[in-house]
Every structure is written in structure tokens, then in C-alpha cells.
């Protein structure tokens, strides 16, 4: 078709595959609005073929020793590293994420595979002194076939990194790629084709209806992992529950507060506010610190400095290594972000940076918006309560510590939070009372592998990136030996 990345295919039972209806989804470069490739618009039939292939491959995969499975994961990891430049070029073009920061995605995916490969012997049961004359123990066994549904903001990383835990545990996997930015799934497929037995990893593409819905409802799938929006997470829970009892883990949205005390180091606070907003992904990150809660004595200075730093961010083409922010992912998402900015203006928030499209010929096409900062935000505004998932910071003023905690907790979300103070007692008091799954004192909302990352409230269920994730892909069986 003459497209830069051409036609890409699904991956079922170790082979590349078209959809059963021969229909396609086009992928659009968010920086230029040019069509850059196509993937099959999968059907329910395609999903069933993928699940059946995974089910057929699972017993042999599980019967490998933990050392053999670990060796395969390490081989996949090594190839990711050798093909990093190729993966990044495609991923930056397809997502709009800036290529310099995006470089970490491939390394993260490779490192997760290595980390979980090394955790395999921790899939342990217990012995229990339940009776004096017999032996009682627990065993951990895989679910069988696992579904992973991938979001558009880091498609390669989320698809690849989160293969590690289910495969280590002895499951096989069916991945659904995102409807926008699906192209890198084919590169993952190429690596799996060369290094893993057929059917161990299967990759399907297509719309949520029918592909995602069929995958979630399939009776052979009892374990589902999803990263994405609250709305979709709720739909997945409903659909799964209508068919069977299933274990569903959800890593969903966030409206993450940064609580700043007056004694905090403001240079570090401002740096963390900009870094934590993830402008390299155009703010499209569930962990972005999109709410700054500043004590009234430092509020004005923080507003001024954060606005100035946001204005100075270099918005540019994702493949330009000097670009600090690219476009947002797709036209529907751009319009959604614009609606939030309009709402903030209507509600009386003070626009102190950004708010519109960048100026220049390069920005005439594409899904561009400037880094945006609002001050004078109150808890009743939409931008105070709802996740925008874009490059928009809202700054609030508080006077008492209780006010700060009430503001921090006044949303449906509970993913991450940060607290900034030199008074460790005050910081820890607030950290204990903030409703979030991950709280950082005097830092950005950083991931630390080995500690679980996950939310509470409507931000999700289950922790990832730690032993807890590996164990979540197993079921416990009690074994009683009567002596």
C-alpha cells in the first residue's frame, strides 16, 4: 500500500494471520495525521482461534522447568535490547511519544522479563500444622490461558513487560493491542515467533467490540489483566462476571496529588512537578501528578514557576531528540482534552500557561496542544475531579493540613500521591491519610521494581512490578496427605 510501516498482522499459534473477515484498522501518525500502517480488524472467530492455540500450548509450557521458562524469557529480553532502535522508531511514530524518553520503554520491558525470570523459584506453597498426624500443604498452579489488554500510551512496553509474570508462572497469553497505535505488536510477535513455542504468546488486534469483549468473556480465560481507563475497566468487570468467575486485575486512571508544605525545597518541587507530569508522553500517563496542592504561603511562587517551566517545554516532532513533548495520541483524545480546558475556563480557573495549539507550520496538522497549567482551581471543578490524561496541570491552594488531605482525597481515584516537606513527621502523617496505592515523600511518582505498583478506589485492583504480580497469576491448591 506504500505505507511507511505497511501491513502488520495478528499472531496466532506461532503464525502471522489476517482477520477472518479481511477488514483492517489504519494507524495514523499523530504528529502528521498521515496513515502509516494497517492491522487486521479482528473478529470473535479470530479471538477464539488465539485462545484455543494458547490452551493447546499451555500444558507443554507449564511442564517445562522453571529454569527452561526463565531461559526463554531472558532470550526474548536480549533480542528486545538488540532491536531497540527499530522498536523505538516505530513506537514513536505510532504513538507520538518523544523518542528520547521513549528509549526507556524497551529497556524496562527487557528488565521486567529478566526480573520475573529470576523470581520463578518464589512460586512457593506452604506447609501448615493443621493436624498433628498428617501433612498439609499448599501448591501454586497457573490459571492456564491469560488475557492482557494493552493501552495506547506505551503499547510495546505494556504488552511485553507484562508477559513476564504470567509466562514465568506457567500460563500462556493472548494479548489485545490498542485500537490506536497498534503497530509495535507485530515486532513483539516477530521476537516470540523466533524464541517461544507456537501458541505460548498470541496477539490479536481490533476494536473493543468484538475483540476485547470476546476475549474477556471467553470461558477458557479465567485471568485477565488490563491497563487503561476506569470506564473500560468497569466494562471488563461486568462482561467477565456475566460469563464466569474470573480473576481480573486493573491498573486504571489517576488524579494524582502533589501536596506541597511551605518548608519544602521549591526548586525540587518545581522540577518534580514538571517531571512527574510526564510531558514526554503529553501527560498521557495514569501516574502523572496532575494536581499540585500548594500551601497558601508558597502558592503564588509555585504557580509562577510551574507556569514558566511549562511554557518553556519544547514541543516538537516525536523523532526529534530535542523534543520534550509530542502530540497527543489521536483526534478523539485531543478533542476530549480541549473540552476539559474549555470547561476549566468556564468554571473560572485561571489559565496561566498553554491552553491552545502551538504556533508554527509544523503544528498545522497533527494532534497538538501546548503544556497547560491552571491556577485557582477548586474541588468542584471538572478538572479537579476527572482524569484528563493529557498535558494539563491544576494547582490548588490550601491552608491547614486537614484541608490538604481533604483535597487530595476528593476524587474517585487513588493511584499515586506525593508529599513534599522537610518535616518527616508531617509528611508521614499525610502519607498515611492520603488514599492512594503508591505514596512518595519528597520525590516524583516513580516506579521501583520489587514494590507493588497499583491503585485503590477506582484506580484499580492488584499490584504489579513485584512478587505480588507473579503470584497473582497462580491459583492456590490445598493438599492433605493423611499419614
Foldseek 3Di string as FASTA:
>chain_A
DPAQLEEFAWAAQLDGDAAPVNAWAFAAQQLFRDTRYIYHAHALVVLVRLLVLQLVPQVVLLPDDLLVLLVLLLQLLVVLVVCLVVLLVLQCRQFVFASQVLSVLSVLLSVLLNVLSVCLVVQDKAWDPPDPFWTKIKHWAFLAEEEEEADRLRQVSRVRNVVRQLSSRRYAYEYETDSGSRPSVRVSSVSCSVRPRGSSYTYDYHDCVPNVLSNLQPPSHQHYEYEEALVVVVVSVVSNVVRDHHHYWYQYAAQAEEEEDPAFDVVLVLVQLVVQCQQSSQSQDRRRNQEYEYEPVCQVVSQVSNQVVQQPQAEDGSHPNNHSHTAGGDDVLLVLLLVLLVQCVVVPWAKSHWNAFDDDPSRPGRRGTGQTETEPDDCVGPSQADDSSGRYHYYHYDHDLVRSQCSQQSYQWAFEYEYGDPPVVSRVVSVVSHQHPYYYYSHHRDDDQQDFGHTPGSSIDFTDRHVRSSSSSIDMDMDMGRD
